[in-house]
Amino acid sequence: MDSVETGIVREWRDAEGWGTIECPNVPSHCWVHFSAVQVPGYRGLRPGQSVAFRYRAGDQDGYAFVATEVWPEGADRSWAPPSVSTPSAAHSSELTIEFDKPDQ
């Protein structure tokens, strides 16, 4: 299902980071996780919000379809989540293991 559909956010649970989208071209509501929301900053949706999305068949919490990408309808889709291809300078760690030499 590579086509882009449009739908309405029917439910969004901020505390749990998921919701559902209703679309006439999808036989049942489509489940969506916050990680699929393509907006900068806080990734959330609002009930009643009009969105564009891509989806696939799948079984998630009783829903037969899962959104793989979601963005506000009419929004510029040029934004993408940052790629994590290199280590962050914000955190580093090191581990050194030394073994006792066996008695000879």
N, C-alpha and C. Protein backbone atom coordinates (compact mmCIF):
# COMPACT_ATOMS: atom_id res chain seq x y z
N MET A 1 0.84 -1.16 0.00
CA MET A 1 0.00 0.00 0.00
C MET A 1 0.89 1.23 0.00
N ASP A 2 1.39 1.60 -1.15
CA ASP A 2 2.34 2.69 -1.25
C ASP A 2 1.66 4.02 -1.56
N SER A 3 0.36 4.00 -1.82
CA SER A 3 -0.31 5.25 -2.15
C SER A 3 -0.51 6.09 -0.89
N VAL A 4 -0.67 7.38 -1.10
CA VAL A 4 -0.92 8.30 0.00
C VAL A 4 -2.43 8.46 0.14
N GLU A 5 -2.93 8.27 1.33
CA GLU A 5 -4.35 8.43 1.63
C GLU A 5 -4.53 9.65 2.51
N THR A 6 -5.75 10.14 2.61
CA THR A 6 -6.07 11.20 3.56
C THR A 6 -7.15 10.69 4.49
N GLY A 7 -7.09 11.15 5.72
CA GLY A 7 -8.06 10.71 6.70
C GLY A 7 -8.17 11.69 7.85
N ILE A 8 -8.97 11.30 8.84
CA ILE A 8 -9.22 12.12 10.02
C ILE A 8 -8.75 11.35 11.25
N VAL A 9 -8.01 12.02 12.12
CA VAL A 9 -7.59 11.41 13.38
C VAL A 9 -8.84 11.26 14.25
N ARG A 10 -9.18 10.04 14.59
CA ARG A 10 -10.37 9.79 15.41
C ARG A 10 -10.03 9.73 16.89
N GLU A 11 -8.84 9.28 17.20
CA GLU A 11 -8.45 9.11 18.59
C GLU A 11 -6.95 9.35 18.68
N TRP A 12 -6.51 10.02 19.74
CA TRP A 12 -5.08 10.18 19.98
C TRP A 12 -4.84 10.17 21.48
N ARG A 13 -3.97 9.29 21.93
CA ARG A 13 -3.64 9.15 23.35
C ARG A 13 -2.23 9.66 23.59
N ASP A 14 -2.12 10.91 23.99
CA ASP A 14 -0.80 11.53 24.22
C ASP A 14 0.04 10.72 25.19
N ALA A 15 -0.55 10.31 26.29
CA ALA A 15 0.22 9.60 27.34
C ALA A 15 0.78 8.28 26.85
N GLU A 16 0.11 7.65 25.88
CA GLU A 16 0.56 6.36 25.37
C GLU A 16 1.23 6.46 24.01
N GLY A 17 1.08 7.61 23.33
CA GLY A 17 1.75 7.83 22.05
C GLY A 17 1.17 7.09 20.87
N TRP A 18 -0.15 6.88 20.85
CA TRP A 18 -0.76 6.23 19.70
C TRP A 18 -2.20 6.71 19.53
N GLY A 19 -2.74 6.40 18.36
CA GLY A 19 -4.12 6.76 18.07
C GLY A 19 -4.62 6.01 16.85
N THR A 20 -5.74 6.47 16.31
CA THR A 20 -6.31 5.84 15.11
C THR A 20 -6.71 6.91 14.10
N ILE A 21 -6.69 6.49 12.84
CA ILE A 21 -7.07 7.35 11.72
C ILE A 21 -8.22 6.65 10.99
N GLU A 22 -9.22 7.43 10.62
CA GLU A 22 -10.34 6.91 9.83
C GLU A 22 -10.20 7.43 8.41
N CYS A 23 -10.36 6.53 7.44
CA CYS A 23 -10.22 6.89 6.03
C CYS A 23 -11.22 6.07 5.23
N PRO A 24 -11.96 6.67 4.31
CA PRO A 24 -12.94 5.92 3.52
C PRO A 24 -12.32 4.80 2.68
N ASN A 25 -11.04 4.91 2.32
CA ASN A 25 -10.39 3.91 1.48
C ASN A 25 -9.75 2.77 2.26
N VAL A 26 -9.80 2.85 3.59
CA VAL A 26 -9.25 1.79 4.45
C VAL A 26 -10.44 1.13 5.13
N PRO A 27 -10.57 -0.20 5.02
CA PRO A 27 -11.76 -0.89 5.53
C PRO A 27 -12.05 -0.69 7.02
N SER A 28 -11.05 -0.43 7.84
CA SER A 28 -11.27 -0.17 9.26
C SER A 28 -10.31 0.93 9.70
N HIS A 29 -10.42 1.35 10.93
CA HIS A 29 -9.50 2.39 11.41
C HIS A 29 -8.06 1.91 11.29
N CYS A 30 -7.17 2.85 11.08
CA CYS A 30 -5.75 2.56 10.93
C CYS A 30 -5.04 2.99 12.21
N TRP A 31 -4.28 2.09 12.83
CA TRP A 31 -3.55 2.37 14.06
C TRP A 31 -2.30 3.17 13.71
N VAL A 32 -1.95 4.15 14.54
CA VAL A 32 -0.74 4.95 14.29
C VAL A 32 0.02 5.18 15.59
N HIS A 33 1.34 5.00 15.53
CA HIS A 33 2.25 5.22 16.65
C HIS A 33 2.93 6.57 16.44
N PHE A 34 3.32 7.22 17.55
CA PHE A 34 3.94 8.54 17.42
C PHE A 34 5.19 8.52 16.55
N SER A 35 5.90 7.40 16.48
CA SER A 35 7.13 7.34 15.67
C SER A 35 6.85 7.47 14.18
N ALA A 36 5.60 7.27 13.74
CA ALA A 36 5.23 7.42 12.33
C ALA A 36 4.83 8.85 11.99
N VAL A 37 4.65 9.70 12.99
CA VAL A 37 4.21 11.08 12.77
C VAL A 37 5.40 11.91 12.30
N GLN A 38 5.27 12.49 11.11
CA GLN A 38 6.36 13.21 10.46
C GLN A 38 6.21 14.72 10.65
N VAL A 39 6.48 15.18 11.88
CA VAL A 39 6.47 16.61 12.18
C VAL A 39 7.67 16.91 13.07
N PRO A 40 8.21 18.12 12.99
CA PRO A 40 9.31 18.46 13.89
C PRO A 40 8.78 18.68 15.30
N GLY A 41 9.63 18.49 16.28
CA GLY A 41 9.23 18.70 17.67
C GLY A 41 8.43 17.54 18.21
N TYR A 42 7.48 17.85 19.07
CA TYR A 42 6.66 16.81 19.69
C TYR A 42 5.82 16.11 18.64
N ARG A 43 5.92 14.82 18.57
CA ARG A 43 5.19 14.04 17.56
C ARG A 43 3.85 13.60 18.11
N GLY A 44 2.85 14.37 17.82
CA GLY A 44 1.51 14.05 18.28
C GLY A 44 0.48 14.50 17.26
N LEU A 45 -0.73 14.03 17.42
CA LEU A 45 -1.85 14.40 16.56
C LEU A 45 -3.00 14.85 17.44
N ARG A 46 -4.04 15.44 16.82
CA ARG A 46 -5.23 15.88 17.54
C ARG A 46 -6.46 15.20 16.96
N PRO A 47 -7.37 14.75 17.79
CA PRO A 47 -8.63 14.21 17.26
C PRO A 47 -9.31 15.26 16.37
N GLY A 48 -9.79 14.82 15.21
CA GLY A 48 -10.42 15.71 14.25
C GLY A 48 -9.45 16.30 13.24
N GLN A 49 -8.15 16.13 13.45
CA GLN A 49 -7.13 16.67 12.54
C GLN A 49 -7.15 15.90 11.23
N SER A 50 -7.04 16.62 10.12
CA SER A 50 -6.96 16.02 8.79
C SER A 50 -5.50 15.70 8.50
N VAL A 51 -5.22 14.45 8.11
CA VAL A 51 -3.86 14.01 7.87
C VAL A 51 -3.73 13.25 6.56
N ALA A 52 -2.52 13.23 6.04
CA ALA A 52 -2.16 12.36 4.91
C ALA A 52 -1.31 11.25 5.51
N PHE A 53 -1.39 10.06 4.93
CA PHE A 53 -0.64 8.95 5.51
C PHE A 53 -0.43 7.82 4.52
N ARG A 54 0.56 6.99 4.83
CA ARG A 54 0.82 5.72 4.15
C ARG A 54 0.58 4.64 5.18
N TYR A 55 0.18 3.47 4.74
CA TYR A 55 -0.12 2.40 5.69
C TYR A 55 0.19 1.04 5.10
N ARG A 56 0.14 0.02 5.96
CA ARG A 56 0.33 -1.36 5.54
C ARG A 56 -0.65 -2.23 6.32
N ALA A 57 -0.91 -3.40 5.81
CA ALA A 57 -1.71 -4.37 6.55
C ALA A 57 -0.88 -4.86 7.72
N GLY A 58 -1.50 -5.05 8.85
CA GLY A 58 -0.78 -5.53 10.03
C GLY A 58 -1.75 -5.69 11.18
N ASP A 59 -1.35 -6.40 12.18
CA ASP A 59 -2.21 -6.60 13.34
C ASP A 59 -1.59 -5.92 14.54
N GLN A 60 -2.16 -4.80 14.95
CA GLN A 60 -1.64 -4.06 16.09
C GLN A 60 -2.81 -3.71 17.01
N ASP A 61 -2.80 -4.28 18.19
CA ASP A 61 -3.84 -4.00 19.19
C ASP A 61 -5.25 -4.18 18.63
N GLY A 62 -5.43 -5.16 17.75
CA GLY A 62 -6.75 -5.44 17.19
C GLY A 62 -7.08 -4.65 15.94
N TYR A 63 -6.19 -3.81 15.47
CA TYR A 63 -6.41 -3.04 14.24
C TYR A 63 -5.73 -3.77 13.09
N ALA A 64 -6.42 -3.85 11.95
CA ALA A 64 -5.92 -4.61 10.79
C ALA A 64 -4.93 -3.81 9.94
N PHE A 65 -4.84 -2.51 10.17
CA PHE A 65 -3.94 -1.66 9.37
C PHE A 65 -3.12 -0.77 10.29
N VAL A 66 -1.87 -0.52 9.87
CA VAL A 66 -0.93 0.29 10.66
C VAL A 66 -0.36 1.39 9.76
N ALA A 67 -0.42 2.62 10.23
CA ALA A 67 0.17 3.74 9.49
C ALA A 67 1.69 3.68 9.61
N THR A 68 2.37 3.86 8.49
CA THR A 68 3.83 3.85 8.49
C THR A 68 4.42 5.26 8.42
N GLU A 69 3.66 6.20 7.88
CA GLU A 69 4.04 7.62 7.84
C GLU A 69 2.75 8.44 7.94
N VAL A 70 2.76 9.47 8.76
CA VAL A 70 1.60 10.35 8.90
C VAL A 70 2.10 11.79 8.99
N TRP A 71 1.42 12.71 8.30
CA TRP A 71 1.76 14.12 8.38
C TRP A 71 0.49 14.94 8.20
N PRO A 72 0.45 16.16 8.74
CA PRO A 72 -0.74 17.00 8.57
C PRO A 72 -1.02 17.21 7.09
N GLU A 73 -2.28 17.07 6.71
CA GLU A 73 -2.67 17.24 5.31
C GLU A 73 -2.27 18.64 4.84
N GLY A 74 -1.62 18.71 3.68
CA GLY A 74 -1.19 19.98 3.11
C GLY A 74 0.14 20.48 3.65
N ALA A 75 0.71 19.80 4.63
CA ALA A 75 1.99 20.24 5.21
C ALA A 75 3.15 19.88 4.30
N ASP A 76 4.22 20.63 4.43
CA ASP A 76 5.45 20.35 3.69
C ASP A 76 6.08 19.08 4.27
N ARG A 77 6.23 18.07 3.44
CA ARG A 77 6.80 16.81 3.91
C ARG A 77 8.31 16.77 3.80
N SER A 78 8.96 17.90 3.60
CA SER A 78 10.41 17.88 3.45
C SER A 78 11.12 17.60 4.77
N TRP A 79 10.41 17.77 5.90
CA TRP A 79 11.01 17.47 7.19
C TRP A 79 11.09 15.96 7.36
N ALA A 80 12.16 15.49 7.91
CA ALA A 80 12.32 14.07 8.21
C ALA A 80 12.99 13.95 9.57
N PRO A 81 12.69 12.90 10.32
CA PRO A 81 13.35 12.75 11.61
C PRO A 81 14.86 12.64 11.43
N PRO A 82 15.63 13.11 12.40
CA PRO A 82 17.08 13.05 12.26
C PRO A 82 17.57 11.61 12.17
N SER A 83 18.56 11.44 11.35
CA SER A 83 19.15 10.12 11.18
C SER A 83 20.16 9.87 12.30
N VAL A 84 20.18 8.67 12.80
CA VAL A 84 21.14 8.33 13.86
C VAL A 84 22.18 7.41 13.24
N SER A 85 23.14 8.03 12.55
CA SER A 85 24.14 7.22 11.87
C SER A 85 25.52 7.34 12.52
N THR A 86 25.67 8.35 13.35
CA THR A 86 26.96 8.51 14.04
C THR A 86 26.70 8.64 15.53
N PRO A 87 27.68 8.28 16.35
CA PRO A 87 27.50 8.39 17.80
C PRO A 87 27.27 9.84 18.21
N SER A 88 26.48 10.03 19.22
CA SER A 88 26.20 11.36 19.73
C SER A 88 27.32 11.82 20.66
N ALA A 89 27.59 13.10 20.63
CA ALA A 89 28.59 13.65 21.55
C ALA A 89 27.99 13.86 22.94
N ALA A 90 26.68 13.68 23.05
CA ALA A 90 26.01 13.90 24.33
C ALA A 90 26.28 12.78 25.32
N HIS A 91 26.69 11.65 24.86
CA HIS A 91 26.91 10.52 25.76
C HIS A 91 28.05 9.67 25.22
N SER A 92 28.88 9.25 26.12
CA SER A 92 29.92 8.29 25.75
C SER A 92 30.23 7.45 26.97
N SER A 93 30.76 6.28 26.74
CA SER A 93 31.15 5.41 27.85
C SER A 93 32.34 4.58 27.44
N GLU A 94 32.99 4.04 28.43
CA GLU A 94 34.16 3.22 28.17
C GLU A 94 34.20 2.11 29.21
N LEU A 95 34.65 0.95 28.81
CA LEU A 95 34.77 -0.18 29.72
C LEU A 95 36.14 -0.81 29.52
N THR A 96 36.85 -0.99 30.62
CA THR A 96 38.16 -1.64 30.58
C THR A 96 38.10 -2.87 31.46
N ILE A 97 38.49 -4.00 30.93
CA ILE A 97 38.51 -5.24 31.70
C ILE A 97 39.93 -5.73 31.77
N GLU A 98 40.42 -5.96 32.98
CA GLU A 98 41.76 -6.49 33.15
C GLU A 98 41.64 -7.82 33.88
N PHE A 99 42.34 -8.79 33.41
CA PHE A 99 42.34 -10.11 34.04
C PHE A 99 43.63 -10.31 34.82
N ASP A 100 43.52 -10.99 35.95
CA ASP A 100 44.73 -11.34 36.69
C ASP A 100 45.51 -12.35 35.86
N LYS A 101 46.82 -12.21 35.88
CA LYS A 101 47.67 -13.17 35.18
C LYS A 101 47.67 -14.46 35.98
N PRO A 102 47.57 -15.59 35.33
CA PRO A 102 47.58 -16.86 36.08
C PRO A 102 48.94 -17.09 36.73
N ASP A 103 48.94 -17.74 37.87
CA ASP A 103 50.19 -18.09 38.56
C ASP A 103 50.99 -19.02 37.67
N GLN A 104 52.25 -18.76 37.58
CA GLN A 104 53.08 -19.61 36.73
C GLN A 104 53.95 -20.51 37.53
